[in-house]
Amino acid sequence: RMKKLLLATLVCFWGIGIMAQLPVNLGIHGGISSNRIKVRDLPTVIGTQANTGFMLGGFMRLNLGKLYLEPSLNYSHKKSIVEQDQLSLGEDENKVDLKLNTFDIPLMVGFQVLDLSILRLRAFLGPVLSVGKIKNLKHLGDVSTDKTNWHGKIGVGADIWKLTFDIDYEKAFKDLGHKIKAPRSFNFTLGLKII
């Protein structure tokens, strides 16, 4: 049993060593977002407010000279506040927190604008497959939503040594449902390249 464990450890280190020689980076990242989910055609709704969410996940970057491909797998929590004039949540309560929890698979295509010894500046764009659902819809009445959506993302980033910083704008291509508009968000992400 000890020999198998030692062999598995050696294979892992060998695989990491091989990947370190390839133009591939693996890493983890997380960030915060400013989100807004609007509703339509609901007589009790006064308006919506943006709110803060978060994202956690991992990424792989395939470096192809000045270009790169970066698929990711992320868990995302977005939140928006809906203000209503008639809602039985309490004597003084007239707001509902719409919470959108999704698993997202972005595939970014990027271009290195500037490449110095320890600093790289990048620009990127691409599609995002998003799967999840909104919570607290029951407070808005008979509202249904789709669980799967496609988003578009565009942004800029910087790499300093093994750290990555990204700022991007993301918007869904279609409405979440017949009364829920396509969500949009500004995202701020910090990442660490493990390999």
N, C-alpha and C. Protein backbone atom coordinates (compact mmCIF):
# COMPACT_ATOMS: atom_id res chain seq x y z
N ARG A 1 0.82 -1.20 0.00
CA ARG A 1 0.00 0.00 0.00
C ARG A 1 0.86 1.26 0.00
N MET A 2 1.96 1.22 0.73
CA MET A 2 2.87 2.37 0.78
C MET A 2 3.52 2.61 -0.58
N LYS A 3 3.83 1.51 -1.28
CA LYS A 3 4.43 1.64 -2.61
C LYS A 3 3.45 2.32 -3.58
N LYS A 4 2.16 1.94 -3.49
CA LYS A 4 1.16 2.55 -4.38
C LYS A 4 1.01 4.04 -4.10
N LEU A 5 1.04 4.40 -2.82
CA LEU A 5 0.93 5.81 -2.45
C LEU A 5 2.13 6.60 -2.94
N LEU A 6 3.31 6.02 -2.79
CA LEU A 6 4.53 6.68 -3.26
C LEU A 6 4.51 6.83 -4.79
N LEU A 7 4.06 5.78 -5.49
CA LEU A 7 3.98 5.83 -6.94
C LEU A 7 2.98 6.91 -7.40
N ALA A 8 1.82 6.97 -6.73
CA ALA A 8 0.81 7.98 -7.09
C ALA A 8 1.35 9.39 -6.86
N THR A 9 2.09 9.59 -5.78
CA THR A 9 2.68 10.90 -5.49
C THR A 9 3.70 11.28 -6.55
N LEU A 10 4.53 10.34 -6.95
CA LEU A 10 5.53 10.61 -7.98
C LEU A 10 4.87 10.94 -9.32
N VAL A 11 3.80 10.21 -9.66
CA VAL A 11 3.09 10.48 -10.91
C VAL A 11 2.48 11.88 -10.89
N CYS A 12 1.93 12.28 -9.73
CA CYS A 12 1.35 13.63 -9.61
C CYS A 12 2.41 14.70 -9.82
N PHE A 13 3.56 14.55 -9.15
CA PHE A 13 4.64 15.53 -9.30
C PHE A 13 5.18 15.54 -10.72
N TRP A 14 5.26 14.37 -11.34
CA TRP A 14 5.71 14.29 -12.73
C TRP A 14 4.74 15.02 -13.64
N GLY A 15 3.41 14.82 -13.42
CA GLY A 15 2.40 15.51 -14.23
C GLY A 15 2.47 17.02 -14.06
N ILE A 16 2.67 17.47 -12.82
CA ILE A 16 2.80 18.91 -12.57
C ILE A 16 4.04 19.46 -13.26
N GLY A 17 5.13 18.71 -13.22
CA GLY A 17 6.36 19.14 -13.90
C GLY A 17 6.19 19.25 -15.40
N ILE A 18 5.47 18.29 -15.99
CA ILE A 18 5.20 18.33 -17.43
C ILE A 18 4.34 19.53 -17.77
N MET A 19 3.28 19.78 -16.99
CA MET A 19 2.39 20.90 -17.27
C MET A 19 3.09 22.24 -17.11
N ALA A 20 4.08 22.27 -16.19
CA ALA A 20 4.81 23.52 -15.99
C ALA A 20 5.62 23.89 -17.23
N GLN A 21 5.98 22.87 -18.06
CA GLN A 21 6.73 23.14 -19.28
C GLN A 21 5.82 23.52 -20.45
N LEU A 22 4.53 23.24 -20.33
CA LEU A 22 3.58 23.55 -21.39
C LEU A 22 3.06 24.97 -21.24
N PRO A 23 2.51 25.55 -22.32
CA PRO A 23 1.97 26.91 -22.23
C PRO A 23 0.58 26.93 -21.59
N VAL A 24 0.45 26.27 -20.44
CA VAL A 24 -0.83 26.15 -19.76
C VAL A 24 -0.70 26.63 -18.33
N ASN A 25 -1.67 27.42 -17.88
CA ASN A 25 -1.75 27.84 -16.49
C ASN A 25 -3.02 27.28 -15.87
N LEU A 26 -2.93 26.80 -14.65
CA LEU A 26 -4.08 26.40 -13.87
C LEU A 26 -4.15 27.28 -12.64
N GLY A 27 -5.35 27.67 -12.23
CA GLY A 27 -5.43 28.53 -11.07
C GLY A 27 -6.81 28.56 -10.45
N ILE A 28 -6.90 29.28 -9.36
CA ILE A 28 -8.16 29.51 -8.67
C ILE A 28 -8.44 31.01 -8.67
N HIS A 29 -9.71 31.37 -8.62
CA HIS A 29 -10.04 32.78 -8.57
C HIS A 29 -11.37 33.00 -7.86
N GLY A 30 -11.57 34.22 -7.45
CA GLY A 30 -12.81 34.61 -6.78
C GLY A 30 -12.97 36.11 -6.90
N GLY A 31 -14.18 36.57 -6.66
CA GLY A 31 -14.38 38.01 -6.79
C GLY A 31 -15.74 38.45 -6.34
N ILE A 32 -15.99 39.72 -6.52
CA ILE A 32 -17.27 40.31 -6.18
C ILE A 32 -17.90 40.90 -7.44
N SER A 33 -19.21 41.11 -7.39
CA SER A 33 -19.91 41.64 -8.55
C SER A 33 -21.01 42.59 -8.11
N SER A 34 -21.30 43.53 -8.99
CA SER A 34 -22.45 44.41 -8.80
C SER A 34 -23.51 43.98 -9.80
N ASN A 35 -24.68 43.55 -9.31
CA ASN A 35 -25.68 42.90 -10.15
C ASN A 35 -27.00 43.65 -10.13
N ARG A 36 -27.71 43.52 -11.24
CA ARG A 36 -29.06 44.07 -11.31
C ARG A 36 -29.95 43.13 -12.11
N ILE A 37 -31.03 42.69 -11.49
CA ILE A 37 -32.02 41.83 -12.14
C ILE A 37 -33.33 42.60 -12.15
N LYS A 38 -33.79 43.00 -13.33
CA LYS A 38 -35.00 43.80 -13.44
C LYS A 38 -36.21 42.92 -13.73
N VAL A 39 -37.37 43.38 -13.24
CA VAL A 39 -38.63 42.70 -13.53
C VAL A 39 -39.50 43.63 -14.36
N ARG A 40 -40.49 43.05 -15.04
CA ARG A 40 -41.36 43.85 -15.90
C ARG A 40 -42.81 43.43 -15.73
N ASP A 41 -43.72 44.35 -16.02
CA ASP A 41 -45.16 44.07 -16.07
C ASP A 41 -45.72 43.52 -14.77
N LEU A 42 -45.14 43.92 -13.64
CA LEU A 42 -45.70 43.55 -12.35
C LEU A 42 -46.22 44.81 -11.68
N PRO A 43 -47.55 44.92 -11.46
CA PRO A 43 -48.12 46.18 -10.99
C PRO A 43 -47.64 46.62 -9.62
N THR A 44 -47.19 45.67 -8.78
CA THR A 44 -46.79 46.04 -7.43
C THR A 44 -45.33 46.51 -7.35
N VAL A 45 -44.58 46.32 -8.43
CA VAL A 45 -43.15 46.64 -8.40
C VAL A 45 -42.92 48.12 -8.72
N ILE A 46 -42.16 48.77 -7.83
CA ILE A 46 -41.80 50.17 -8.04
C ILE A 46 -40.50 50.27 -8.83
N GLY A 47 -39.50 49.46 -8.49
CA GLY A 47 -38.21 49.50 -9.16
C GLY A 47 -37.27 48.45 -8.62
N THR A 48 -36.05 48.43 -9.14
CA THR A 48 -35.03 47.48 -8.69
C THR A 48 -33.74 48.22 -8.36
N GLN A 49 -32.96 47.63 -7.48
CA GLN A 49 -31.67 48.20 -7.09
C GLN A 49 -30.58 47.14 -7.32
N ALA A 50 -29.40 47.62 -7.69
CA ALA A 50 -28.25 46.72 -7.81
C ALA A 50 -27.78 46.30 -6.42
N ASN A 51 -27.15 45.15 -6.36
CA ASN A 51 -26.60 44.67 -5.10
C ASN A 51 -25.33 43.88 -5.38
N THR A 52 -24.64 43.50 -4.30
CA THR A 52 -23.34 42.85 -4.43
C THR A 52 -23.48 41.33 -4.37
N GLY A 53 -22.72 40.65 -5.23
CA GLY A 53 -22.66 39.19 -5.21
C GLY A 53 -21.21 38.74 -5.16
N PHE A 54 -21.01 37.43 -5.34
CA PHE A 54 -19.64 36.90 -5.32
C PHE A 54 -19.51 35.72 -6.27
N MET A 55 -18.27 35.34 -6.56
CA MET A 55 -17.97 34.23 -7.44
C MET A 55 -16.72 33.51 -6.93
N LEU A 56 -16.72 32.17 -7.00
CA LEU A 56 -15.57 31.34 -6.66
C LEU A 56 -15.41 30.27 -7.72
N GLY A 57 -14.16 29.94 -8.08
CA GLY A 57 -13.98 28.90 -9.08
C GLY A 57 -12.54 28.65 -9.44
N GLY A 58 -12.36 27.92 -10.53
CA GLY A 58 -11.02 27.61 -11.03
C GLY A 58 -10.95 27.88 -12.52
N PHE A 59 -9.74 28.10 -13.02
CA PHE A 59 -9.58 28.40 -14.44
C PHE A 59 -8.36 27.69 -15.02
N MET A 60 -8.38 27.54 -16.34
CA MET A 60 -7.23 27.02 -17.09
C MET A 60 -6.97 28.01 -18.23
N ARG A 61 -5.73 28.38 -18.41
CA ARG A 61 -5.39 29.31 -19.50
C ARG A 61 -4.39 28.63 -20.44
N LEU A 62 -4.79 28.55 -21.70
CA LEU A 62 -3.92 28.00 -22.74
C LEU A 62 -3.31 29.16 -23.50
N ASN A 63 -2.02 29.38 -23.33
CA ASN A 63 -1.32 30.51 -23.93
C ASN A 63 -0.85 30.15 -25.34
N LEU A 64 -1.28 30.95 -26.31
CA LEU A 64 -0.95 30.71 -27.72
C LEU A 64 -0.29 31.96 -28.30
N GLY A 65 0.89 32.28 -27.79
CA GLY A 65 1.55 33.52 -28.20
C GLY A 65 0.83 34.71 -27.60
N LYS A 66 0.42 35.64 -28.45
CA LYS A 66 -0.31 36.82 -27.96
C LYS A 66 -1.75 36.48 -27.58
N LEU A 67 -2.28 35.41 -28.16
CA LEU A 67 -3.65 34.99 -27.87
C LEU A 67 -3.67 33.95 -26.75
N TYR A 68 -4.84 33.83 -26.10
CA TYR A 68 -5.02 32.76 -25.12
C TYR A 68 -6.48 32.37 -25.03
N LEU A 69 -6.71 31.13 -24.64
CA LEU A 69 -8.05 30.61 -24.36
C LEU A 69 -8.14 30.33 -22.87
N GLU A 70 -9.27 30.72 -22.25
CA GLU A 70 -9.39 30.53 -20.81
C GLU A 70 -10.78 30.02 -20.44
N PRO A 71 -10.96 28.68 -20.37
CA PRO A 71 -12.20 28.15 -19.82
C PRO A 71 -12.14 28.15 -18.30
N SER A 72 -13.32 28.27 -17.67
CA SER A 72 -13.40 28.29 -16.21
C SER A 72 -14.63 27.50 -15.77
N LEU A 73 -14.65 27.15 -14.51
CA LEU A 73 -15.83 26.59 -13.86
C LEU A 73 -16.03 27.36 -12.57
N ASN A 74 -17.16 28.06 -12.44
CA ASN A 74 -17.38 28.96 -11.31
C ASN A 74 -18.74 28.72 -10.66
N TYR A 75 -18.79 28.98 -9.35
CA TYR A 75 -20.07 29.10 -8.65
C TYR A 75 -20.31 30.59 -8.42
N SER A 76 -21.49 31.06 -8.82
CA SER A 76 -21.77 32.49 -8.76
C SER A 76 -23.05 32.75 -7.96
N HIS A 77 -23.01 33.77 -7.12
CA HIS A 77 -24.18 34.21 -6.36
C HIS A 77 -24.42 35.68 -6.68
N LYS A 78 -25.55 35.95 -7.33
CA LYS A 78 -25.91 37.32 -7.68
C LYS A 78 -27.16 37.71 -6.90
N LYS A 79 -27.27 39.00 -6.62
CA LYS A 79 -28.38 39.47 -5.79
C LYS A 79 -28.84 40.83 -6.28
N SER A 80 -30.17 41.03 -6.30
CA SER A 80 -30.75 42.31 -6.67
C SER A 80 -31.95 42.56 -5.77
N ILE A 81 -32.26 43.81 -5.51
CA ILE A 81 -33.36 44.18 -4.63
C ILE A 81 -34.52 44.71 -5.45
N VAL A 82 -35.71 44.14 -5.22
CA VAL A 82 -36.93 44.60 -5.88
C VAL A 82 -37.77 45.35 -4.85
N GLU A 83 -38.14 46.59 -5.19
CA GLU A 83 -38.98 47.40 -4.31
C GLU A 83 -40.44 47.27 -4.74
N GLN A 84 -41.32 47.01 -3.78
CA GLN A 84 -42.75 46.87 -4.07
C GLN A 84 -43.56 47.81 -3.18
N ASP A 85 -44.74 48.17 -3.66
CA ASP A 85 -45.60 49.05 -2.86
C ASP A 85 -46.63 48.26 -2.06
N GLN A 86 -46.86 47.00 -2.41
CA GLN A 86 -47.79 46.16 -1.66
C GLN A 86 -47.17 44.79 -1.49
N LEU A 87 -46.73 44.50 -0.29
CA LEU A 87 -46.08 43.22 -0.03
C LEU A 87 -46.22 42.89 1.44
N SER A 88 -46.71 41.71 1.76
CA SER A 88 -46.95 41.33 3.15
C SER A 88 -45.75 40.59 3.72
N LEU A 89 -44.66 41.31 3.85
CA LEU A 89 -43.47 40.73 4.47
C LEU A 89 -43.26 41.25 5.88
N GLY A 90 -44.04 42.18 6.29
CA GLY A 90 -43.89 42.81 7.60
C GLY A 90 -44.49 44.19 7.54
N GLU A 91 -44.59 44.82 8.67
CA GLU A 91 -45.24 46.12 8.72
C GLU A 91 -44.52 47.16 7.88
N ASP A 92 -43.18 47.19 7.96
CA ASP A 92 -42.43 48.22 7.27
C ASP A 92 -41.60 47.67 6.10
N GLU A 93 -41.81 46.39 5.79
CA GLU A 93 -40.97 45.75 4.77
C GLU A 93 -41.62 45.86 3.41
N ASN A 94 -40.91 46.41 2.44
CA ASN A 94 -41.45 46.48 1.08
C ASN A 94 -40.40 46.12 0.05
N LYS A 95 -39.40 45.32 0.45
CA LYS A 95 -38.33 44.93 -0.47
C LYS A 95 -38.14 43.43 -0.48
N VAL A 96 -37.78 42.91 -1.66
CA VAL A 96 -37.50 41.48 -1.83
C VAL A 96 -36.10 41.33 -2.40
N ASP A 97 -35.31 40.43 -1.82
CA ASP A 97 -33.98 40.11 -2.34
C ASP A 97 -34.12 38.96 -3.34
N LEU A 98 -33.89 39.26 -4.62
CA LEU A 98 -33.84 38.20 -5.63
C LEU A 98 -32.41 37.66 -5.66
N LYS A 99 -32.26 36.36 -5.43
CA LYS A 99 -30.94 35.74 -5.37
C LYS A 99 -30.81 34.73 -6.50
N LEU A 100 -29.79 34.91 -7.33
CA LEU A 100 -29.55 34.04 -8.48
C LEU A 100 -28.27 33.24 -8.22
N ASN A 101 -28.42 31.93 -7.95
CA ASN A 101 -27.29 31.04 -7.71
C ASN A 101 -27.07 30.16 -8.93
N THR A 102 -25.88 30.23 -9.51
CA THR A 102 -25.62 29.51 -10.76
C THR A 102 -24.24 28.87 -10.76
N PHE A 103 -24.10 27.84 -11.60
CA PHE A 103 -22.80 27.33 -11.99
C PHE A 103 -22.53 27.87 -13.39
N ASP A 104 -21.40 28.54 -13.57
CA ASP A 104 -21.08 29.21 -14.82
C ASP A 104 -19.85 28.57 -15.47
N ILE A 105 -19.91 28.44 -16.79
CA ILE A 105 -18.77 27.94 -17.57
C ILE A 105 -18.42 28.98 -18.62
N PRO A 106 -17.52 29.92 -18.31
CA PRO A 106 -17.07 30.89 -19.32
C PRO A 106 -15.99 30.28 -20.21
N LEU A 107 -15.95 30.73 -21.46
CA LEU A 107 -14.86 30.40 -22.37
C LEU A 107 -14.38 31.70 -22.99
N MET A 108 -13.32 32.26 -22.40
CA MET A 108 -12.82 33.56 -22.83
C MET A 108 -11.71 33.40 -23.87
N VAL A 109 -11.75 34.27 -24.86
CA VAL A 109 -10.67 34.40 -25.84
C VAL A 109 -10.00 35.74 -25.55
N GLY A 110 -8.69 35.70 -25.29
CA GLY A 110 -8.01 36.92 -24.88
C GLY A 110 -6.83 37.27 -25.76
N PHE A 111 -6.39 38.50 -25.62
CA PHE A 111 -5.24 39.02 -26.37
C PHE A 111 -4.36 39.79 -25.40
N GLN A 112 -3.06 39.51 -25.44
CA GLN A 112 -2.12 40.22 -24.57
C GLN A 112 -1.74 41.54 -25.21
N VAL A 113 -2.16 42.62 -24.58
CA VAL A 113 -1.90 43.96 -25.10
C VAL A 113 -0.48 44.40 -24.80
N LEU A 114 0.00 44.05 -23.60
CA LEU A 114 1.34 44.46 -23.16
C LEU A 114 1.96 43.30 -22.40
N ASP A 115 3.20 42.96 -22.72
CA ASP A 115 3.88 41.84 -22.08
C ASP A 115 5.27 42.27 -21.62
N LEU A 116 5.39 42.60 -20.34
CA LEU A 116 6.67 42.94 -19.74
C LEU A 116 7.16 41.76 -18.91
N SER A 117 8.25 41.92 -18.22
CA SER A 117 8.82 40.79 -17.49
C SER A 117 7.91 40.29 -16.38
N ILE A 118 7.33 41.18 -15.59
CA ILE A 118 6.46 40.74 -14.49
C ILE A 118 5.02 41.23 -14.64
N LEU A 119 4.74 42.01 -15.68
CA LEU A 119 3.40 42.58 -15.86
C LEU A 119 2.88 42.29 -17.25
N ARG A 120 1.64 41.78 -17.31
CA ARG A 120 0.97 41.56 -18.59
C ARG A 120 -0.41 42.21 -18.53
N LEU A 121 -0.75 42.95 -19.57
CA LEU A 121 -2.08 43.53 -19.68
C LEU A 121 -2.84 42.79 -20.77
N ARG A 122 -4.11 42.47 -20.49
CA ARG A 122 -4.90 41.63 -21.39
C ARG A 122 -6.27 42.26 -21.67
N ALA A 123 -6.87 41.86 -22.79
CA ALA A 123 -8.28 42.15 -23.09
C ALA A 123 -8.91 40.83 -23.51
N PHE A 124 -10.19 40.63 -23.15
CA PHE A 124 -10.81 39.34 -23.43
C PHE A 124 -12.31 39.50 -23.64
N LEU A 125 -12.89 38.49 -24.29
CA LEU A 125 -14.34 38.41 -24.46
C LEU A 125 -14.71 36.96 -24.74
N GLY A 126 -16.01 36.67 -24.58
CA GLY A 126 -16.44 35.31 -24.87
C GLY A 126 -17.79 35.00 -24.26
N PRO A 127 -18.30 33.78 -24.54
CA PRO A 127 -19.60 33.36 -24.03
C PRO A 127 -19.48 32.72 -22.64
N VAL A 128 -20.61 32.71 -21.93
CA VAL A 128 -20.70 32.06 -20.61
C VAL A 128 -21.99 31.25 -20.57
N LEU A 129 -21.87 29.95 -20.30
CA LEU A 129 -23.04 29.11 -20.06
C LEU A 129 -23.36 29.17 -18.58
N SER A 130 -24.59 29.54 -18.25
CA SER A 130 -24.99 29.74 -16.86
C SER A 130 -26.20 28.85 -16.54
N VAL A 131 -26.09 28.04 -15.48
CA VAL A 131 -27.16 27.12 -15.09
C VAL A 131 -27.49 27.34 -13.62
N GLY A 132 -28.74 27.68 -13.32
CA GLY A 132 -29.15 27.89 -11.94
C GLY A 132 -30.53 28.48 -11.87
N LYS A 133 -30.93 28.92 -10.68
CA LYS A 133 -32.28 29.46 -10.53
C LYS A 133 -32.31 30.61 -9.54
N ILE A 134 -33.40 31.38 -9.64
CA ILE A 134 -33.59 32.53 -8.75
C ILE A 134 -34.40 32.11 -7.53
N LYS A 135 -33.99 32.58 -6.36
CA LYS A 135 -34.74 32.35 -5.13
C LYS A 135 -35.59 33.57 -4.79
N ASN A 136 -36.64 33.34 -4.02
CA ASN A 136 -37.56 34.37 -3.52
C ASN A 136 -38.52 34.89 -4.57
N LEU A 137 -38.70 34.15 -5.66
CA LEU A 137 -39.66 34.57 -6.69
C LEU A 137 -41.10 34.52 -6.20
N LYS A 138 -41.39 33.66 -5.21
CA LYS A 138 -42.78 33.50 -4.75
C LYS A 138 -43.36 34.81 -4.23
N HIS A 139 -42.49 35.74 -3.77
CA HIS A 139 -42.97 37.02 -3.27
C HIS A 139 -43.46 37.93 -4.40
N LEU A 140 -43.13 37.57 -5.65
CA LEU A 140 -43.56 38.40 -6.78
C LEU A 140 -44.80 37.86 -7.46
N GLY A 141 -45.33 36.72 -6.98
CA GLY A 141 -46.52 36.15 -7.59
C GLY A 141 -46.18 35.03 -8.55
N ASP A 142 -46.96 34.90 -9.62
CA ASP A 142 -46.81 33.81 -10.59
C ASP A 142 -45.73 34.17 -11.61
N VAL A 143 -44.48 33.90 -11.24
CA VAL A 143 -43.35 34.23 -12.11
C VAL A 143 -42.51 32.98 -12.29
N SER A 144 -42.23 32.60 -13.52
CA SER A 144 -41.38 31.44 -13.81
C SER A 144 -40.14 31.89 -14.56
N THR A 145 -39.06 31.14 -14.43
CA THR A 145 -37.80 31.48 -15.09
C THR A 145 -37.17 30.25 -15.71
N ASP A 146 -36.28 30.49 -16.68
CA ASP A 146 -35.48 29.42 -17.27
C ASP A 146 -34.27 29.15 -16.38
N LYS A 147 -33.84 27.88 -16.32
CA LYS A 147 -32.69 27.53 -15.49
C LYS A 147 -31.37 27.68 -16.24
N THR A 148 -31.43 27.69 -17.58
CA THR A 148 -30.21 27.77 -18.39
C THR A 148 -30.22 29.05 -19.22
N ASN A 149 -29.08 29.72 -19.28
CA ASN A 149 -28.98 30.95 -20.05
C ASN A 149 -27.57 31.09 -20.60
N TRP A 150 -27.43 31.83 -21.66
CA TRP A 150 -26.12 32.18 -22.22
C TRP A 150 -25.85 33.65 -21.97
N HIS A 151 -24.65 33.97 -21.56
CA HIS A 151 -24.24 35.34 -21.32
C HIS A 151 -23.09 35.69 -22.25
N GLY A 152 -22.85 36.96 -22.43
CA GLY A 152 -21.66 37.46 -23.10
C GLY A 152 -20.83 38.26 -22.10
N LYS A 153 -19.53 38.15 -22.20
CA LYS A 153 -18.64 38.84 -21.25
C LYS A 153 -17.52 39.54 -22.02
N ILE A 154 -17.17 40.75 -21.59
CA ILE A 154 -16.04 41.48 -22.17
C ILE A 154 -15.32 42.21 -21.04
N GLY A 155 -13.98 42.22 -21.10
CA GLY A 155 -13.26 42.85 -20.00
C GLY A 155 -11.78 43.03 -20.28
N VAL A 156 -11.09 43.50 -19.26
CA VAL A 156 -9.64 43.69 -19.30
C VAL A 156 -9.05 43.08 -18.03
N GLY A 157 -7.76 42.75 -18.12
CA GLY A 157 -7.11 42.14 -16.97
C GLY A 157 -5.63 42.43 -16.95
N ALA A 158 -5.03 42.11 -15.81
CA ALA A 158 -3.59 42.28 -15.63
C ALA A 158 -3.05 41.09 -14.86
N ASP A 159 -1.85 40.63 -15.25
CA ASP A 159 -1.15 39.58 -14.53
C ASP A 159 0.12 40.18 -13.92
N ILE A 160 0.28 40.02 -12.63
CA ILE A 160 1.51 40.44 -11.94
C ILE A 160 2.06 39.21 -11.25
N TRP A 161 3.14 38.69 -11.77
CA TRP A 161 3.73 37.45 -11.30
C TRP A 161 2.69 36.35 -11.41
N LYS A 162 2.23 35.75 -10.33
CA LYS A 162 1.23 34.68 -10.37
C LYS A 162 -0.18 35.17 -10.04
N LEU A 163 -0.33 36.46 -9.80
CA LEU A 163 -1.63 37.02 -9.49
C LEU A 163 -2.31 37.55 -10.76
N THR A 164 -3.63 37.39 -10.84
CA THR A 164 -4.41 37.92 -11.96
C THR A 164 -5.51 38.83 -11.43
N PHE A 165 -5.75 39.94 -12.13
CA PHE A 165 -6.81 40.88 -11.79
C PHE A 165 -7.66 41.10 -13.04
N ASP A 166 -8.97 40.91 -12.92
CA ASP A 166 -9.87 41.10 -14.05
C ASP A 166 -11.03 42.02 -13.68
N ILE A 167 -11.43 42.85 -14.63
CA ILE A 167 -12.64 43.66 -14.53
C ILE A 167 -13.43 43.41 -15.80
N ASP A 168 -14.71 43.03 -15.68
CA ASP A 168 -15.47 42.74 -16.88
C ASP A 168 -16.94 43.09 -16.70
N TYR A 169 -17.62 43.21 -17.85
CA TYR A 169 -19.06 43.44 -17.91
C TYR A 169 -19.71 42.21 -18.51
N GLU A 170 -20.79 41.75 -17.88
CA GLU A 170 -21.45 40.52 -18.32
C GLU A 170 -22.95 40.77 -18.44
N LYS A 171 -23.55 40.26 -19.54
CA LYS A 171 -24.99 40.42 -19.75
C LYS A 171 -25.54 39.16 -20.41
N ALA A 172 -26.72 38.74 -19.95
CA ALA A 172 -27.37 37.57 -20.54
C ALA A 172 -27.91 37.90 -21.92
N PHE A 173 -27.95 36.89 -22.80
CA PHE A 173 -28.46 37.07 -24.15
C PHE A 173 -29.99 37.04 -24.21
N LYS A 174 -30.62 36.44 -23.21
CA LYS A 174 -32.09 36.37 -23.21
C LYS A 174 -32.61 36.61 -21.80
N ASP A 175 -33.89 36.95 -21.70
CA ASP A 175 -34.53 37.15 -20.41
C ASP A 175 -34.55 35.84 -19.63
N LEU A 176 -34.54 35.95 -18.29
CA LEU A 176 -34.61 34.76 -17.45
C LEU A 176 -36.01 34.13 -17.49
N GLY A 177 -37.00 34.92 -17.76
CA GLY A 177 -38.37 34.44 -17.83
C GLY A 177 -39.25 35.51 -18.45
N HIS A 178 -40.56 35.24 -18.48
CA HIS A 178 -41.46 36.18 -19.15
C HIS A 178 -41.62 37.47 -18.35
N LYS A 179 -41.24 37.50 -17.07
CA LYS A 179 -41.33 38.72 -16.29
C LYS A 179 -39.99 39.14 -15.68
N ILE A 180 -38.93 38.40 -15.95
CA ILE A 180 -37.60 38.70 -15.40
C ILE A 180 -36.67 39.03 -16.56
N LYS A 181 -36.14 40.25 -16.58
CA LYS A 181 -35.26 40.67 -17.68
C LYS A 181 -33.90 40.00 -17.59
N ALA A 182 -33.16 40.07 -18.68
CA ALA A 182 -31.81 39.50 -18.74
C ALA A 182 -30.92 40.17 -17.69
N PRO A 183 -30.28 39.38 -16.81
CA PRO A 183 -29.43 39.99 -15.78
C PRO A 183 -28.13 40.54 -16.37
N ARG A 184 -27.57 41.51 -15.67
CA ARG A 184 -26.28 42.08 -16.08
C ARG A 184 -25.47 42.34 -14.82
N SER A 185 -24.15 42.36 -14.97
CA SER A 185 -23.29 42.58 -13.81
C SER A 185 -21.93 43.11 -14.23
N PHE A 186 -21.31 43.83 -13.30
CA PHE A 186 -19.90 44.20 -13.39
C PHE A 186 -19.16 43.32 -12.39
N ASN A 187 -18.08 42.68 -12.85
CA ASN A 187 -17.36 41.71 -12.02
C ASN A 187 -15.91 42.15 -11.80
N PHE A 188 -15.44 41.93 -10.57
CA PHE A 188 -14.06 42.25 -10.19
C PHE A 188 -13.46 40.97 -9.60
N THR A 189 -12.42 40.43 -10.27
CA THR A 189 -11.93 39.10 -9.92
C THR A 189 -10.43 39.13 -9.61
N LEU A 190 -10.06 38.39 -8.58
CA LEU A 190 -8.64 38.19 -8.20
C LEU A 190 -8.34 36.70 -8.30
N GLY A 191 -7.26 36.35 -8.98
CA GLY A 191 -6.90 34.95 -9.15
C GLY A 191 -5.46 34.66 -8.81
N LEU A 192 -5.16 33.38 -8.63
CA LEU A 192 -3.80 32.92 -8.35
C LEU A 192 -3.48 31.76 -9.26
N LYS A 193 -2.40 31.89 -10.04
CA LYS A 193 -1.93 30.79 -10.89
C LYS A 193 -1.18 29.79 -10.03
N ILE A 194 -1.70 28.57 -9.95
CA ILE A 194 -1.02 27.50 -9.19
C ILE A 194 0.08 26.89 -10.05
N ILE A 195 -0.19 26.77 -11.35
CA ILE A 195 0.80 26.25 -12.31
C ILE A 195 0.96 27.29 -13.41
